């Protein structure tokens, strides 16, 4: 059984060796994430080239996702060992003017605007919520707090404000430079950290389009939903993006852990309804950073994301720095497969009261309905941009979808779409020749055999993005 849900893996010290990366791709990785919070521009350029080289060697279409760092809302550094213990009830000062290393009484700030963003009574959460502070007063550049929940605090740990409200912009000067780097190696996806509105995503897209103008390359935009302010703006952010990442770490700190599962389901459902992609991320297989098998809770977490309809599940430190990167992907692959066996096909319900304003979108939906009820072995979408395959992938169906394109960029983009297997084929202007070539490709791969029925969509005349206007049901002779 071929897995429909895609796997995103983060590249790092544990996975940058060519042999390990090859094993990861073979084990099931579909998208490689380059985390711009770490490393230099040249590091990312070299790693991107390595991914392309290894993907070509194993014969697998793999998308590159450049993940921007976003604003550094963090404490500064500490003296000595680089960490201190904060005791509950103690006074602790966050000082935007401090330049010397911190201690158990005070620390400097990378984020200099914090004194303007908080007021007495606010709750600050440090180190992913493990440290909890209450603001007693703001004195010039100093935020004087009381430790509510203590523990170990080390260099450069993140700061969140409960309920949101930090004014840090989504795109920093570093992000703007990183966008140019990402477009230089022609990433398929650009993930924007901490967007609060559609304007943040529109600005990122404009910067990426300008950076990619020389090569006419356009990256698809992924909005990382991490701020509480993004939740009321979710629909607008989605309209300005090509997909979202349910980034459960910072989001949980701002809105509370208990609110995240329902938000995850809502975000994935909204993305699918709006024909956008969804990635579920953060701590999915966290224990496998050190352990060779996942916990049962992690297995359930991954399976539930699959059942929610996510396009992809994402690994971060598990593959970037963990001891068992390949084994983690193998386990995630098996969990997704088992969860997909339990999925129900409800096309009739999906299409109830739904209207299609475009011919190509109507053809895509018609192909799904026909293939499901006829028991077709495959659905083939001849597509230039990948849009037809994307629309098909928004609905659960047991029939595999094959996106056939002459564009390498489209093939790589489709690597993220749920239940879509992207294949490259020559660009042909004759319709009958193109249909015959598509069938022969799938026969050669063992997908189709004599007597099998399949549905195929294309546009006539051939080769125009958005021109899909034909659905044909065929039987292999």
Protein backbone atom coordinates (compact mmCIF):
# COMPACT_ATOMS: atom_id res chain seq x y z
CA UNK A 1 0.00 0.00 0.00
CA UNK A 2 1.38 3.40 -0.96
CA UNK A 3 1.30 6.09 1.73
CA UNK A 4 -0.88 9.12 0.98
CA UNK A 5 0.33 11.38 3.81
CA UNK A 6 3.68 13.01 3.11
CA UNK A 7 6.66 13.28 5.46
CA UNK A 8 8.69 16.47 5.96
CA UNK A 9 12.13 15.99 7.53
CA UNK A 10 14.47 18.71 8.80
CA UNK A 11 18.07 18.57 7.63
CA UNK A 12 20.76 18.99 10.28
CA UNK A 13 23.99 17.50 11.63
CA UNK A 14 22.40 14.05 12.03
CA UNK A 15 21.14 13.92 8.45
CA UNK A 16 23.53 15.93 6.28
CA UNK A 17 25.77 12.99 5.42
CA UNK A 18 24.91 11.91 1.85
CA UNK A 19 24.50 8.24 2.86
CA UNK A 20 22.11 9.10 5.71
CA UNK A 21 20.16 11.51 3.52
CA UNK A 22 19.77 8.82 0.86
CA UNK A 23 18.43 6.40 3.47
CA UNK A 24 15.97 9.06 4.66
CA UNK A 25 14.59 9.61 1.16
CA UNK A 26 14.30 5.88 0.55
CA UNK A 27 12.58 5.46 3.94
CA UNK A 28 9.87 7.90 2.89
CA UNK A 29 10.85 11.58 3.16
CA UNK A 30 9.01 13.69 0.56
CA UNK A 31 10.00 17.21 1.60
CA UNK A 32 13.31 18.36 3.11
CA UNK A 33 13.15 21.36 5.44
CA UNK A 34 16.10 23.74 5.72
CA UNK A 35 15.86 25.59 9.03
CA UNK A 36 17.20 29.12 8.61
CA UNK A 37 17.33 29.59 12.39
CA UNK A 38 20.65 27.75 12.22
CA UNK A 39 23.62 27.95 9.87
CA UNK A 40 24.93 30.40 7.32
CA UNK A 41 23.61 31.15 3.83
CA UNK A 42 26.33 29.07 2.20
CA UNK A 43 25.46 26.11 4.46
CA UNK A 44 21.89 26.13 3.16
CA UNK A 45 22.98 26.51 -0.45
CA UNK A 46 25.29 23.51 -0.13
CA UNK A 47 22.65 21.41 1.65
CA UNK A 48 20.06 22.28 -0.98
CA UNK A 49 22.45 21.14 -3.70
CA UNK A 50 23.07 17.92 -1.77
CA UNK A 51 19.32 17.21 -1.52
CA UNK A 52 18.90 17.74 -5.27
CA UNK A 53 21.85 15.46 -6.01
CA UNK A 54 20.69 12.63 -3.72
CA UNK A 55 17.06 12.90 -4.86
CA UNK A 56 18.16 12.57 -8.47
CA UNK A 57 20.30 9.56 -7.58
CA UNK A 58 17.41 7.70 -5.91
CA UNK A 59 14.98 8.82 -8.63
CA UNK A 60 12.53 10.54 -6.30
CA UNK A 61 10.89 13.97 -6.60
CA UNK A 62 11.65 15.85 -3.38
CA UNK A 63 10.56 19.38 -2.49
CA UNK A 64 12.77 21.84 -0.60
CA UNK A 65 11.20 23.97 2.13
CA UNK A 66 13.11 27.01 3.37
CA UNK A 67 11.90 27.84 6.88
CA UNK A 68 12.58 31.45 7.88
CA UNK A 69 13.72 32.21 11.43
CA UNK A 70 11.39 35.12 12.07
CA UNK A 71 11.84 37.64 14.91
CA UNK A 72 14.25 36.66 17.70
CA UNK A 73 12.03 37.14 20.75
CA UNK A 74 14.62 35.70 23.13
CA UNK A 75 16.58 36.35 26.31
CA UNK A 76 20.31 37.06 26.01
CA UNK A 77 23.23 34.98 27.24
CA UNK A 78 24.22 34.02 30.80
CA UNK A 79 27.66 34.08 32.40
CA UNK A 80 29.67 30.97 33.23
CA UNK A 81 27.92 27.77 32.14
CA UNK A 82 25.35 29.68 30.10
CA UNK A 83 22.42 28.80 32.35
CA UNK A 84 20.85 29.65 35.71
CA UNK A 85 18.22 28.18 38.03
CA UNK A 86 15.22 30.38 38.70
CA UNK A 87 13.37 29.72 41.96
CA UNK A 88 9.61 30.20 42.32
CA UNK A 89 8.86 33.50 44.05
CA UNK A 90 12.18 35.08 43.10
CA UNK A 91 12.52 38.48 41.44
CA UNK A 92 13.94 38.35 37.91
CA UNK A 93 14.62 41.29 35.59
CA UNK A 94 14.50 41.22 31.80
CA UNK A 95 16.69 44.18 30.84
CA UNK A 96 16.72 45.47 27.25
CA UNK A 97 19.64 47.82 28.07
CA UNK A 98 21.87 45.18 29.64
CA UNK A 99 25.00 44.27 27.66
CA UNK A 100 26.86 42.09 30.18
CA UNK A 101 26.01 38.38 30.58
CA UNK A 102 23.05 37.51 32.77
CA UNK A 103 22.79 35.83 36.17
CA UNK A 104 20.04 34.52 38.46
CA UNK A 105 18.81 38.09 39.06
CA UNK A 106 18.67 39.56 35.55
CA UNK A 107 19.42 38.93 31.89
CA UNK A 108 19.62 40.99 28.72
CA UNK A 109 17.24 40.74 25.77
CA UNK A 110 17.67 40.09 22.07
CA UNK A 111 14.18 41.55 21.68
CA UNK A 112 14.60 45.20 22.70
CA UNK A 113 10.91 46.13 22.34
CA UNK A 114 9.70 43.92 25.19
CA UNK A 115 9.38 46.82 27.71
CA UNK A 116 6.97 48.56 25.31
CA UNK A 117 4.91 45.40 24.74
CA UNK A 118 4.10 44.43 28.31
CA UNK A 119 2.41 45.90 31.36
CA UNK A 120 2.01 44.86 35.02
CA UNK A 121 -0.03 41.68 35.37
CA UNK A 122 1.03 40.18 32.04
CA UNK A 123 2.32 36.61 31.98
CA UNK A 124 5.54 35.80 30.14
CA UNK A 125 6.44 32.24 29.20
CA UNK A 126 10.07 31.33 28.55
CA UNK A 127 11.65 28.19 27.07
CA UNK A 128 8.44 26.85 25.48
CA UNK A 129 6.43 27.56 28.63
CA UNK A 130 8.68 25.70 31.07
CA UNK A 131 9.42 28.99 32.87
CA UNK A 132 6.53 31.26 33.86
CA UNK A 133 6.96 34.90 34.94
CA UNK A 134 4.46 37.57 36.01
CA UNK A 135 5.27 41.20 35.22
CA UNK A 136 5.33 43.31 38.40
CA UNK A 137 6.41 46.59 36.81
CA UNK A 138 8.10 48.15 33.79
CA UNK A 139 10.91 50.52 34.75
CA UNK A 140 12.41 52.17 31.66
CA UNK A 141 14.18 49.40 29.73
CA UNK A 142 13.68 46.89 32.54
CA UNK A 143 10.78 44.45 32.86
CA UNK A 144 10.65 43.46 36.53
CA UNK A 145 9.01 40.06 37.00
CA UNK A 146 8.20 37.50 39.68
CA UNK A 147 8.97 33.83 38.97
CA UNK A 148 5.75 31.78 39.14
CA UNK A 149 7.11 28.56 37.67
CA UNK A 150 10.86 28.17 38.05
CA UNK A 151 13.48 25.91 36.55
CA UNK A 152 16.60 26.01 34.42
CA UNK A 153 16.92 28.90 31.97
CA UNK A 154 19.77 28.89 29.46
CA UNK A 155 21.12 31.14 26.70
CA UNK A 156 18.81 32.58 24.04
CA UNK A 157 15.62 30.82 25.10
CA UNK A 158 12.41 32.12 23.54
CA UNK A 159 9.91 34.49 25.13
CA UNK A 160 6.15 34.33 24.59
CA UNK A 161 3.42 36.51 26.03
CA UNK A 162 0.34 34.58 27.14
CA UNK A 163 -2.54 35.65 24.90
CA UNK A 164 -0.17 37.23 22.38
CA UNK A 165 0.48 40.91 21.84
CA UNK A 166 4.19 41.15 21.03
CA UNK A 167 4.74 43.67 18.24
CA UNK A 168 7.74 41.99 16.61
CA UNK A 169 7.33 42.01 12.81
CA UNK A 170 7.04 38.67 11.03
CA UNK A 171 9.81 39.51 8.54
CA UNK A 172 13.16 40.73 9.85
CA UNK A 173 16.14 42.04 7.89
CA UNK A 174 17.70 38.57 8.24
CA UNK A 175 14.55 36.96 6.82
CA UNK A 176 14.66 39.25 3.80
CA UNK A 177 18.25 38.24 3.09
CA UNK A 178 17.36 34.58 3.68
CA UNK A 179 14.53 34.84 1.14
CA UNK A 180 17.13 35.82 -1.47
CA UNK A 181 19.25 32.83 -0.47
CA UNK A 182 16.27 30.45 -0.66
CA UNK A 183 15.27 31.72 -4.07
CA UNK A 184 18.87 31.35 -5.28
CA UNK A 185 18.55 27.56 -4.87
CA UNK A 186 14.90 27.70 -6.02
CA UNK A 187 13.10 26.28 -3.00
CA UNK A 188 9.62 24.95 -3.74
CA UNK A 189 8.16 26.18 -0.43
CA UNK A 190 8.94 29.18 1.75
CA UNK A 191 7.70 28.91 5.36
CA UNK A 192 7.11 32.26 7.05
CA UNK A 193 7.41 32.31 10.86
CA UNK A 194 5.01 34.19 13.14
CA UNK A 195 2.71 35.88 10.57
CA UNK A 196 -0.09 37.85 12.22
CA UNK A 197 -2.01 38.87 9.11
CA UNK A 198 -2.43 38.36 5.38
CA UNK A 199 -0.17 41.38 4.84
CA UNK A 200 2.80 39.49 6.30
CA UNK A 201 2.31 36.69 3.78
CA UNK A 202 1.74 39.07 0.88
CA UNK A 203 4.98 40.88 1.69
CA UNK A 204 6.91 37.59 1.86
CA UNK A 205 5.49 36.53 -1.51
CA UNK A 206 6.38 39.85 -3.10
CA UNK A 207 9.96 39.67 -1.81
CA UNK A 208 10.29 36.07 -3.04
CA UNK A 209 8.88 36.91 -6.47
CA UNK A 210 11.35 39.78 -6.86
CA UNK A 211 14.24 37.56 -5.72
CA UNK A 212 13.22 34.82 -8.14
CA UNK A 213 12.48 37.08 -11.10
CA UNK A 214 15.76 36.37 -12.90
CA UNK A 215 14.99 32.64 -13.11
CA UNK A 216 11.19 33.07 -13.22
CA UNK A 217 10.95 30.83 -10.20
CA UNK A 218 8.06 31.27 -7.78
CA UNK A 219 7.97 29.55 -4.41
CA UNK A 220 4.73 28.58 -2.70
CA UNK A 221 4.08 30.32 0.63
CA UNK A 222 3.49 28.39 3.86
CA UNK A 223 2.19 30.39 6.84
CA UNK A 224 3.40 29.02 10.17
CA UNK A 225 0.54 29.55 12.62
CA UNK A 226 2.37 30.31 15.87
CA UNK A 227 0.80 33.47 17.27
CA UNK A 228 -2.56 33.79 18.98
CA UNK A 229 -3.22 36.90 16.84
CA UNK A 230 -3.14 34.68 13.75
CA UNK A 231 -6.16 32.63 14.83
CA UNK A 232 -8.85 35.31 14.20
CA UNK A 233 -7.07 36.12 10.91
CA UNK A 234 -6.77 32.49 9.82
CA UNK A 235 -9.03 32.67 6.77
CA UNK A 236 -7.37 35.84 5.47
CA UNK A 237 -3.90 34.39 6.07
CA UNK A 238 -4.88 31.23 4.20
CA UNK A 239 -6.17 33.22 1.23
CA UNK A 240 -2.81 35.01 1.03
CA UNK A 241 -0.86 31.72 1.32
CA UNK A 242 -0.57 28.38 -0.44
CA UNK A 243 -0.72 26.44 2.79
CA UNK A 244 -0.26 26.51 6.54
CA UNK A 245 1.91 24.81 9.11
CA UNK A 246 0.23 23.94 12.39
CA UNK A 247 3.28 24.95 14.44
CA UNK A 248 2.15 23.62 17.78
CA UNK A 249 5.13 24.72 19.88
CA UNK A 250 4.88 28.51 20.09
CA UNK A 251 1.14 28.36 19.42
CA UNK A 252 0.59 26.15 22.48
CA UNK A 253 2.60 28.52 24.64
CA UNK A 254 0.46 31.49 23.58
CA UNK A 255 -3.01 29.91 23.59
CA UNK A 256 -2.48 27.09 26.09
CA UNK A 257 -1.81 23.41 25.46
CA UNK A 258 -5.45 22.40 25.89
CA UNK A 259 -6.63 24.61 23.01
CA UNK A 260 -4.22 23.20 20.40
CA UNK A 261 -5.87 19.88 19.41
CA UNK A 262 -9.15 21.53 18.45
CA UNK A 263 -7.28 24.34 16.66
CA UNK A 264 -5.27 21.74 14.74
CA UNK A 265 -8.43 20.07 13.47
CA UNK A 266 -9.99 23.41 12.57
CA UNK A 267 -6.91 24.62 10.69
CA UNK A 268 -6.50 21.43 8.68
CA UNK A 269 -10.20 21.37 7.80
CA UNK A 270 -10.16 25.02 6.72
CA UNK A 271 -7.02 24.50 4.61
CA UNK A 272 -8.60 21.56 2.78
CA UNK A 273 -11.84 23.46 2.19
CA UNK A 274 -9.87 26.38 0.71
CA UNK A 275 -7.72 24.12 -1.52
CA UNK A 276 -4.57 24.81 0.48
CA UNK A 277 -2.03 22.37 1.92
CA UNK A 278 -1.55 21.70 5.63
CA UNK A 279 1.53 20.51 7.53
CA UNK A 280 1.33 19.35 11.16
CA UNK A 281 4.52 19.98 13.13
CA UNK A 282 6.29 20.04 16.51
CA UNK A 283 7.20 17.17 18.83
CA UNK A 284 5.48 14.52 16.73
CA UNK A 285 8.15 11.90 17.50
CA UNK A 286 10.14 13.88 20.09
CA UNK A 287 11.20 10.88 22.19
CA UNK A 288 12.99 9.39 19.16
CA UNK A 289 15.65 12.07 19.41
CA UNK A 290 17.12 9.70 22.01
CA UNK A 291 15.06 6.48 21.81
CA UNK A 292 14.82 3.94 18.96
CA UNK A 293 11.01 3.61 19.23
CA UNK A 294 8.25 6.22 19.70
CA UNK A 295 5.93 6.43 22.68
CA UNK A 296 2.35 5.26 22.24
CA UNK A 297 1.17 8.83 22.74
CA UNK A 298 3.36 9.93 19.81
CA UNK A 299 1.97 7.13 17.65
CA UNK A 300 -1.56 8.36 18.43
CA UNK A 301 -0.55 11.97 17.75
CA UNK A 302 0.78 11.17 14.28
CA UNK A 303 -2.19 8.94 13.48
CA UNK A 304 -4.69 11.59 14.57
CA UNK A 305 -3.04 14.20 12.37
CA UNK A 306 -3.36 11.80 9.44
CA UNK A 307 -7.03 11.17 10.27
CA UNK A 308 -7.55 14.95 10.50
CA UNK A 309 -6.52 15.08 6.83
CA UNK A 310 -3.14 16.79 7.07
CA UNK A 311 -1.08 16.75 3.87
CA UNK A 312 2.13 16.11 5.77
CA UNK A 313 3.56 15.36 9.19
CA UNK A 314 6.85 17.05 10.04
CA UNK A 315 9.98 16.02 11.92
CA UNK A 316 12.30 18.66 13.38
CA UNK A 317 15.07 17.76 15.84
CA UNK A 318 14.21 14.08 15.37
CA UNK A 319 15.96 14.07 11.98
CA UNK A 320 18.12 17.19 12.37
CA UNK A 321 19.94 16.17 15.54
CA UNK A 322 18.46 12.88 16.76
CA UNK A 323 20.22 9.55 17.19
CA UNK A 324 17.74 7.65 15.01
CA UNK A 325 16.73 9.83 12.02
CA UNK A 326 16.10 6.98 9.57
CA UNK A 327 14.26 4.83 12.11
CA UNK A 328 12.05 7.81 12.99
CA UNK A 329 10.96 8.19 9.36
CA UNK A 330 10.36 4.45 9.07
CA UNK A 331 8.10 4.48 12.13
CA UNK A 332 6.22 7.56 10.91
CA UNK A 333 5.69 5.88 7.53
CA UNK A 334 4.13 2.80 9.14
CA UNK A 335 1.92 4.84 11.48
CA UNK A 336 0.56 6.90 8.58
CA UNK A 337 -0.15 3.78 6.54
CA UNK A 338 -2.14 2.18 9.34
CA UNK A 339 -4.12 5.36 10.02
CA UNK A 340 -4.99 5.73 6.32
CA UNK A 341 -6.50 2.24 6.29
CA UNK A 342 -9.16 3.52 8.69
CA UNK A 343 -10.10 6.60 6.63
CA UNK A 344 -13.60 6.80 5.23
CA UNK A 345 -14.40 8.02 1.72
CA UNK A 346 -17.30 10.49 1.84
CA UNK A 347 -17.24 12.12 -1.57
CA UNK A 348 -21.03 12.50 -1.72
CA UNK A 349 -20.97 14.43 1.55
CA UNK A 350 -17.95 16.46 0.45
CA UNK A 351 -19.72 17.59 -2.71
CA UNK A 352 -23.09 18.41 -1.10
CA UNK A 353 -24.00 22.07 -1.67
CA UNK A 354 -20.54 22.71 -3.17
CA UNK A 355 -20.34 24.79 -6.32
CA UNK A 356 -17.46 24.87 -8.78
CA UNK A 357 -16.89 28.10 -10.65
CA UNK A 358 -14.08 26.80 -12.84
CA UNK A 359 -14.14 24.19 -15.58
CA UNK A 360 -10.78 22.66 -14.55
CA UNK A 361 -11.88 22.33 -10.94
CA UNK A 362 -15.17 20.69 -11.98
CA UNK A 363 -13.25 18.19 -14.13
CA UNK A 364 -11.01 17.35 -11.18
CA UNK A 365 -13.99 16.67 -8.92
CA UNK A 366 -15.67 14.64 -11.65
CA UNK A 367 -12.58 12.46 -11.95
CA UNK A 368 -12.63 11.72 -8.21
CA UNK A 369 -16.30 10.78 -8.19
CA UNK A 370 -16.02 8.62 -11.32
CA UNK A 371 -12.85 6.82 -10.24
CA UNK A 372 -14.26 6.05 -6.80
CA UNK A 373 -17.53 4.55 -8.05
CA UNK A 374 -15.93 2.66 -10.94
CA UNK A 375 -13.19 1.24 -8.75
CA UNK A 376 -10.41 2.64 -10.95
CA UNK A 377 -6.82 1.63 -10.25
CA UNK A 378 -5.54 5.17 -10.68
CA UNK A 379 -6.42 8.76 -11.49
CA UNK A 380 -4.01 10.49 -13.86
CA UNK A 381 -3.88 14.28 -13.99
CA UNK A 382 -1.92 15.74 -16.92
CA UNK A 383 -1.06 19.09 -15.38
CA UNK A 384 1.36 21.93 -16.07
CA UNK A 385 1.05 23.79 -12.76
CA UNK A 386 -0.09 20.93 -10.50
CA UNK A 387 -3.37 22.65 -9.62
CA UNK A 388 -5.59 19.83 -10.89
CA UNK A 389 -3.74 17.30 -8.74
CA UNK A 390 -3.98 19.67 -5.75
CA UNK A 391 -7.77 19.97 -6.06
CA UNK A 392 -8.13 16.21 -6.31
CA UNK A 393 -5.97 15.72 -3.23
CA UNK A 394 -8.33 17.78 -1.02
CA UNK A 395 -10.69 14.79 -0.71
CA UNK A 396 -10.07 11.37 0.81
CA UNK A 397 -10.14 8.65 -1.81
CA UNK A 398 -8.54 5.22 -1.87
CA UNK A 399 -7.57 5.63 -5.53
CA UNK A 400 -4.00 6.96 -5.98
CA UNK A 401 -3.60 10.21 -7.92
CA UNK A 402 -0.72 10.54 -10.37
CA UNK A 403 0.26 14.09 -11.29
CA UNK A 404 2.05 13.98 -14.66
CA UNK A 405 3.82 17.15 -15.69
CA UNK A 406 6.59 18.34 -17.99
CA UNK A 407 7.66 20.96 -15.42
CA UNK A 408 10.29 19.88 -12.87
CA UNK A 409 9.20 22.64 -10.47
CA UNK A 410 5.59 21.42 -10.60
CA UNK A 411 6.70 17.83 -10.05
CA UNK A 412 8.63 18.82 -6.91
CA UNK A 413 5.78 20.99 -5.59
CA UNK A 414 3.37 18.07 -5.90
CA UNK A 415 5.62 16.02 -3.61
CA UNK A 416 3.82 17.70 -0.68
CA UNK A 417 0.24 17.08 -1.88
CA UNK A 418 -1.58 14.33 -0.03
CA UNK A 419 -2.18 11.15 -2.08
CA UNK A 420 -0.42 12.58 -5.16
CA UNK A 421 2.47 10.76 -6.86
CA UNK A 422 4.24 13.26 -9.14
CA UNK A 423 5.84 12.00 -12.33
CA UNK A 424 7.76 13.78 -15.07
CA UNK A 425 6.77 13.21 -18.69
CA UNK A 426 7.73 14.91 -21.99
CA UNK A 427 5.70 17.91 -23.11
CA UNK A 428 3.50 16.75 -26.00
CA UNK A 429 1.17 18.94 -28.03
CA UNK A 430 -0.87 16.09 -29.48
CA UNK A 431 -3.62 14.96 -27.09
CA UNK A 432 -3.79 11.32 -28.15
CA UNK A 433 -0.02 10.98 -28.03
CA UNK A 434 0.04 12.48 -24.51
CA UNK A 435 -2.72 10.13 -23.29
CA UNK A 436 -0.90 7.11 -24.69
CA UNK A 437 2.38 8.22 -23.11
CA UNK A 438 0.72 8.68 -19.72
CA UNK A 439 -0.73 5.17 -19.81
CA UNK A 440 2.58 3.63 -20.87
CA UNK A 441 4.41 5.38 -18.01
CA UNK A 442 2.11 3.82 -15.42
CA UNK A 443 2.20 0.42 -17.11
CA UNK A 444 6.02 0.54 -17.07
CA UNK A 445 5.93 1.29 -13.33
CA UNK A 446 3.59 -1.60 -12.62
CA UNK A 447 0.76 0.67 -11.51
CA UNK A 448 -1.53 -0.39 -14.35
CA UNK A 449 -1.94 -3.82 -15.94
CA UNK A 450 -4.01 -5.09 -18.88
CA UNK A 451 -7.69 -4.90 -18.01
CA UNK A 452 -7.27 -2.13 -15.40
CA UNK A 453 -9.55 0.89 -15.59
CA UNK A 454 -8.27 4.40 -14.89
CA UNK A 455 -9.49 7.99 -15.15
CA UNK A 456 -7.38 10.65 -16.87
CA UNK A 457 -7.79 14.42 -17.12
CA UNK A 458 -6.10 16.88 -19.46
CA UNK A 459 -6.58 20.14 -21.28
CA UNK A 460 -7.28 20.64 -24.95
CA UNK A 461 -5.35 22.30 -26.49
CA UNK A 462 -2.47 20.81 -24.51
CA UNK A 463 0.14 22.61 -22.43
CA UNK A 464 -1.75 25.59 -20.96
CA UNK A 465 -1.81 26.04 -17.16
CA UNK A 466 -5.38 26.03 -15.86
CA UNK A 467 -6.67 24.55 -19.12
CA UNK A 468 -7.93 21.15 -17.88
CA UNK A 469 -11.26 20.59 -19.61
CA UNK A 470 -11.46 16.87 -20.38
CA UNK A 471 -12.09 13.69 -18.38
CA UNK A 472 -11.69 10.30 -20.02
CA UNK A 473 -12.16 6.80 -18.55
CA UNK A 474 -9.85 4.22 -20.15
CA UNK A 475 -9.06 0.53 -19.89
CA UNK A 476 -5.56 -0.81 -20.42
CA UNK A 477 -5.50 -3.22 -23.36
